[in-house]
Amino acid sequence: MVIEHAAGGFDSDDERSRRQREVAELLARLEANPNPALYVRAAELLSVDGDTTEATRVCEEGLRRFPSYVNLYVVKGELAASSGQMQVARELFQRAVELDEFNFDALTRLADACMELRDYDGAAAVGRTILGWLPGDGTGKQILRRAEEAAGREGTGQG
């Protein structure tokens, strides 16, 4: 969901100005007509420009109005993960999966958060979930393999 971008990256001033104008327009539209997809877009644009505090605030406002909109949890989880709050990120991704068990973005990000937290059983469970409804899926297989390998390394003291 969130476009990965280092603050102060390679964007031109024109690109940054265009994003700032788009954010201002989105926030104005949200005042008049709240829409969960617009909250997501505004948060993503703010995140690209490195304003994670405002992006998180926008997600929180969106979630107050639309508490079952899955993509707001995913974007807020990405923001938490990018700031090193992996347990918070995991909880947000888990909530997204609870709302939509087939949301591939939420599932893969949940697996990543589990891996970061060294919850290899949790990550493996996500891999098995994906493989349960997409047998043979490469991502599901990769998640499961990574989790099992990491658990094995840690179990042998090689982690």
C-alpha atoms as a PDB file:
ATOM      1  CA  MET A   1       0.000   0.000   0.000  1.00  0.00           C
ATOM      2  CA  VAL A   2       2.488   2.641   1.129  1.00  0.00           C
ATOM      3  CA  ILE A   3       4.892   3.567  -1.616  1.00  0.00           C
ATOM      4  CA  GLU A   4       8.365   2.967  -0.275  1.00  0.00           C
ATOM      5  CA  HIS A   5      10.372   6.115  -0.544  1.00  0.00           C
ATOM      6  CA  ALA A   6      13.184   7.634   1.431  1.00  0.00           C
ATOM      7  CA  ALA A   7      12.396  11.119   2.666  1.00  0.00           C
ATOM      8  CA  GLY A   8      14.513  13.557   0.735  1.00  0.00           C
ATOM      9  CA  GLY A   9      14.946  10.999  -2.054  1.00  0.00           C
ATOM     10  CA  PHE A  10      15.261  11.660  -5.755  1.00  0.00           C
ATOM     11  CA  ASP A  11      11.999  13.468  -6.386  1.00  0.00           C
ATOM     12  CA  SER A  12      11.983  16.820  -8.042  1.00  0.00           C
ATOM     13  CA  ASP A  13      10.493  19.794  -6.262  1.00  0.00           C
ATOM     14  CA  ASP A  14       7.673  19.632  -8.821  1.00  0.00           C
ATOM     15  CA  GLU A  15       6.789  16.060  -7.814  1.00  0.00           C
ATOM     16  CA  ARG A  16       6.777  16.936  -4.137  1.00  0.00           C
ATOM     17  CA  SER A  17       4.665  20.043  -4.788  1.00  0.00           C
ATOM     18  CA  ARG A  18       2.220  17.991  -6.850  1.00  0.00           C
ATOM     19  CA  ARG A  19       1.856  15.478  -3.997  1.00  0.00           C
ATOM     20  CA  GLN A  20       1.370  18.264  -1.462  1.00  0.00           C
ATOM     21  CA  ARG A  21      -1.360  19.809  -3.635  1.00  0.00           C
ATOM     22  CA  GLU A  22      -3.020  16.419  -4.025  1.00  0.00           C
ATOM     23  CA  VAL A  23      -2.943  15.865  -0.250  1.00  0.00           C
ATOM     24  CA  ALA A  24      -4.491  19.290   0.355  1.00  0.00           C
ATOM     25  CA  GLU A  25      -7.218  18.533  -2.196  1.00  0.00           C
ATOM     26  CA  LEU A  26      -7.880  15.112  -0.672  1.00  0.00           C
ATOM     27  CA  LEU A  27      -8.125  16.510   2.846  1.00  0.00           C
ATOM     28  CA  ALA A  28     -10.557  19.183   1.638  1.00  0.00           C
ATOM     29  CA  ARG A  29     -12.672  16.534  -0.104  1.00  0.00           C
ATOM     30  CA  LEU A  30     -12.648  14.424   3.056  1.00  0.00           C
ATOM     31  CA  GLU A  31     -14.067  17.309   5.060  1.00  0.00           C
ATOM     32  CA  ALA A  32     -17.062  17.498   2.744  1.00  0.00           C
ATOM     33  CA  ASN A  33     -17.448  13.829   1.877  1.00  0.00           C
ATOM     34  CA  PRO A  34     -15.553  11.272   3.973  1.00  0.00           C
ATOM     35  CA  ASN A  35     -14.379   8.302   1.916  1.00  0.00           C
ATOM     36  CA  PRO A  36     -12.078   5.548   3.228  1.00  0.00           C
ATOM     37  CA  ALA A  37     -10.131   5.191  -0.026  1.00  0.00           C
ATOM     38  CA  LEU A  38      -9.292   8.904   0.069  1.00  0.00           C
ATOM     39  CA  TYR A  39      -7.917   8.534   3.593  1.00  0.00           C
ATOM     40  CA  VAL A  40      -5.672   5.734   2.331  1.00  0.00           C
ATOM     41  CA  ARG A  41      -4.445   7.806  -0.623  1.00  0.00           C
ATOM     42  CA  ALA A  42      -3.742  10.858   1.548  1.00  0.00           C
ATOM     43  CA  ALA A  43      -1.823   8.757   4.072  1.00  0.00           C
ATOM     44  CA  GLU A  44       0.232   7.139   1.307  1.00  0.00           C
ATOM     45  CA  LEU A  45       1.162  10.498  -0.193  1.00  0.00           C
ATOM     46  CA  LEU A  46       2.099  11.909   3.203  1.00  0.00           C
ATOM     47  CA  SER A  47       4.226   8.845   3.874  1.00  0.00           C
ATOM     48  CA  VAL A  48       6.092   9.256   0.577  1.00  0.00           C
ATOM     49  CA  ASP A  49       7.077  12.737   1.686  1.00  0.00           C
ATOM     50  CA  GLY A  50       8.256  11.397   5.046  1.00  0.00           C
ATOM     51  CA  ASP A  51       5.428  12.878   7.112  1.00  0.00           C
ATOM     52  CA  THR A  52       4.607   9.670   8.968  1.00  0.00           C
ATOM     53  CA  THR A  53       3.085  11.510  11.923  1.00  0.00           C
ATOM     54  CA  GLU A  54       0.469  13.196   9.737  1.00  0.00           C
ATOM     55  CA  ALA A  55      -0.024  10.018   7.700  1.00  0.00           C
ATOM     56  CA  THR A  56      -0.730   8.092  10.906  1.00  0.00           C
ATOM     57  CA  ARG A  57      -3.151  10.805  12.054  1.00  0.00           C
ATOM     58  CA  VAL A  58      -5.004  10.567   8.737  1.00  0.00           C
ATOM     59  CA  CYS A  59      -5.263   6.773   9.130  1.00  0.00           C
ATOM     60  CA  GLU A  60      -6.569   7.148  12.670  1.00  0.00           C
ATOM     61  CA  GLU A  61      -9.191   9.651  11.553  1.00  0.00           C
ATOM     62  CA  GLY A  62     -10.205   7.323   8.739  1.00  0.00           C
ATOM     63  CA  LEU A  63     -10.462   4.382  11.121  1.00  0.00           C
ATOM     64  CA  ARG A  64     -12.659   6.390  13.499  1.00  0.00           C
ATOM     65  CA  ARG A  65     -15.082   6.929  10.628  1.00  0.00           C
ATOM     66  CA  PHE A  66     -14.607   3.587   8.844  1.00  0.00           C
ATOM     67  CA  PRO A  67     -13.502   1.050  11.462  1.00  0.00           C
ATOM     68  CA  SER A  68     -13.882  -1.932   9.141  1.00  0.00           C
ATOM     69  CA  TYR A  69     -11.947  -0.554   6.153  1.00  0.00           C
ATOM     70  CA  VAL A  70      -9.111  -3.059   5.812  1.00  0.00           C
ATOM     71  CA  ASN A  71      -6.668  -0.946   3.804  1.00  0.00           C
ATOM     72  CA  LEU A  72      -6.526   1.713   6.510  1.00  0.00           C
ATOM     73  CA  TYR A  73      -5.249  -0.930   8.938  1.00  0.00           C
ATOM     74  CA  VAL A  74      -2.684  -2.090   6.382  1.00  0.00           C
ATOM     75  CA  VAL A  75      -1.360   1.416   5.720  1.00  0.00           C
ATOM     76  CA  LYS A  76      -1.271   2.270   9.424  1.00  0.00           C
ATOM     77  CA  GLY A  77       0.533  -1.028  10.035  1.00  0.00           C
ATOM     78  CA  GLU A  78       3.108  -0.170   7.373  1.00  0.00           C
ATOM     79  CA  LEU A  79       3.657   3.200   9.022  1.00  0.00           C
ATOM     80  CA  ALA A  80       4.152   1.521  12.401  1.00  0.00           C
ATOM     81  CA  ALA A  81       6.570  -1.011  10.888  1.00  0.00           C
ATOM     82  CA  SER A  82       8.575   1.710   9.155  1.00  0.00           C
ATOM     83  CA  SER A  83       9.047   3.447  12.512  1.00  0.00           C
ATOM     84  CA  GLY A  84      10.156   0.222  14.214  1.00  0.00           C
ATOM     85  CA  GLN A  85       6.912  -0.446  16.089  1.00  0.00           C
ATOM     86  CA  MET A  86       6.674  -4.052  14.960  1.00  0.00           C
ATOM     87  CA  GLN A  87       4.290  -5.265  17.665  1.00  0.00           C
ATOM     88  CA  VAL A  88       1.866  -2.458  16.829  1.00  0.00           C
ATOM     89  CA  ALA A  89       2.276  -3.236  13.133  1.00  0.00           C
ATOM     90  CA  ARG A  90       1.562  -6.896  13.757  1.00  0.00           C
ATOM     91  CA  GLU A  91      -1.620  -6.067  15.668  1.00  0.00           C
ATOM     92  CA  LEU A  92      -2.816  -3.812  12.855  1.00  0.00           C
ATOM     93  CA  PHE A  93      -2.082  -6.404  10.169  1.00  0.00           C
ATOM     94  CA  GLN A  94      -3.800  -9.054  12.305  1.00  0.00           C
ATOM     95  CA  ARG A  95      -6.885  -6.840  12.579  1.00  0.00           C
ATOM     96  CA  ALA A  96      -6.887  -6.386   8.800  1.00  0.00           C
ATOM     97  CA  VAL A  97      -6.744 -10.172   8.330  1.00  0.00           C
ATOM     98  CA  GLU A  98      -9.576 -10.627  10.834  1.00  0.00           C
ATOM     99  CA  LEU A  99     -11.683  -8.276   8.716  1.00  0.00           C
ATOM    100  CA  ASP A 100     -10.672  -9.878   5.407  1.00  0.00           C
ATOM    101  CA  GLU A 101      -9.023 -13.271   5.676  1.00  0.00           C
ATOM    102  CA  PHE A 102      -8.179 -13.248   1.955  1.00  0.00           C
ATOM    103  CA  ASN A 103      -6.410  -9.876   1.869  1.00  0.00           C
ATOM    104  CA  PHE A 104      -3.056 -10.858   0.407  1.00  0.00           C
ATOM    105  CA  ASP A 105      -1.324  -7.565   1.337  1.00  0.00           C
ATOM    106  CA  ALA A 106      -2.406  -7.880   4.962  1.00  0.00           C
ATOM    107  CA  LEU A 107      -1.361 -11.528   5.114  1.00  0.00           C
ATOM    108  CA  THR A 108       2.108 -10.993   3.657  1.00  0.00           C
ATOM    109  CA  ARG A 109       2.735  -7.976   5.871  1.00  0.00           C
ATOM    110  CA  LEU A 110       1.535  -9.960   8.894  1.00  0.00           C
ATOM    111  CA  ALA A 111       4.048 -12.676   8.008  1.00  0.00           C
ATOM    112  CA  ASP A 112       6.827 -10.071   7.709  1.00  0.00           C
ATOM    113  CA  ALA A 113       5.931  -8.601  11.101  1.00  0.00           C
ATOM    114  CA  CYS A 114       5.918 -12.074  12.660  1.00  0.00           C
ATOM    115  CA  MET A 115       9.369 -12.750  11.197  1.00  0.00           C
ATOM    116  CA  GLU A 116      10.711  -9.452  12.563  1.00  0.00           C
ATOM    117  CA  LEU A 117       9.338 -10.368  15.977  1.00  0.00           C
ATOM    118  CA  ARG A 118      10.830 -13.864  15.703  1.00  0.00           C
ATOM    119  CA  ASP A 119       7.383 -15.419  15.840  1.00  0.00           C
ATOM    120  CA  TYR A 120       8.224 -18.061  13.289  1.00  0.00           C
ATOM    121  CA  ASP A 121       5.181 -20.161  14.167  1.00  0.00           C
ATOM    122  CA  GLY A 122       2.968 -17.164  13.422  1.00  0.00           C
ATOM    123  CA  ALA A 123       4.695 -16.519  10.105  1.00  0.00           C
ATOM    124  CA  ALA A 124       4.464 -20.206   9.166  1.00  0.00           C
ATOM    125  CA  ALA A 125       0.747 -20.157   9.996  1.00  0.00           C
ATOM    126  CA  VAL A 126       0.302 -17.261   7.554  1.00  0.00           C
ATOM    127  CA  GLY A 127       2.165 -19.208   4.879  1.00  0.00           C
ATOM    128  CA  ARG A 128      -0.074 -22.223   5.465  1.00  0.00           C
ATOM    129  CA  THR A 129      -3.165 -20.003   5.339  1.00  0.00           C
ATOM    130  CA  ILE A 130      -2.160 -18.638   1.946  1.00  0.00           C
ATOM    131  CA  LEU A 131      -1.367 -22.127   0.665  1.00  0.00           C
ATOM    132  CA  GLY A 132      -4.735 -23.333   1.970  1.00  0.00           C
ATOM    133  CA  TRP A 133      -6.600 -21.137  -0.485  1.00  0.00           C
ATOM    134  CA  LEU A 134      -3.882 -20.761  -3.126  1.00  0.00           C
ATOM    135  CA  PRO A 135      -2.207 -24.183  -3.266  1.00  0.00           C
ATOM    136  CA  GLY A 136       1.238 -23.953  -4.806  1.00  0.00           C
ATOM    137  CA  ASP A 137       1.451 -20.156  -4.417  1.00  0.00           C
ATOM    138  CA  GLY A 138       5.073 -19.024  -4.541  1.00  0.00           C
ATOM    139  CA  THR A 139       4.670 -16.355  -1.880  1.00  0.00           C
ATOM    140  CA  GLY A 140       2.948 -18.732   0.516  1.00  0.00           C
ATOM    141  CA  LYS A 141       5.693 -21.309  -0.046  1.00  0.00           C
ATOM    142  CA  GLN A 142       8.398 -18.675   0.459  1.00  0.00           C
ATOM    143  CA  ILE A 143       6.846 -17.444   3.720  1.00  0.00           C
ATOM    144  CA  LEU A 144       6.555 -20.977   5.043  1.00  0.00           C
ATOM    145  CA  ARG A 145      10.130 -21.877   3.990  1.00  0.00           C
ATOM    146  CA  ARG A 146      11.612 -18.691   5.513  1.00  0.00           C
ATOM    147  CA  ALA A 147       9.773 -19.269   8.789  1.00  0.00           C
ATOM    148  CA  GLU A 148      10.804 -22.908   9.019  1.00  0.00           C
ATOM    149  CA  GLU A 149      14.436 -22.104   8.160  1.00  0.00           C
ATOM    150  CA  ALA A 150      14.572 -19.282  10.718  1.00  0.00           C
ATOM    151  CA  ALA A 151      13.021 -21.489  13.397  1.00  0.00           C
ATOM    152  CA  GLY A 152      15.571 -24.197  12.590  1.00  0.00           C
ATOM    153  CA  ARG A 153      18.507 -21.779  12.775  1.00  0.00           C
ATOM    154  CA  GLU A 154      17.304 -20.390  16.073  1.00  0.00           C
ATOM    155  CA  GLY A 155      16.679 -23.887  17.429  1.00  0.00           C
ATOM    156  CA  THR A 156      20.275 -24.887  16.639  1.00  0.00           C
ATOM    157  CA  GLY A 157      21.796 -21.676  17.967  1.00  0.00           C
ATOM    158  CA  GLN A 158      22.690 -20.455  14.473  1.00  0.00           C
ATOM    159  CA  GLY A 159      20.131 -17.578  14.487  1.00  0.00           C
END
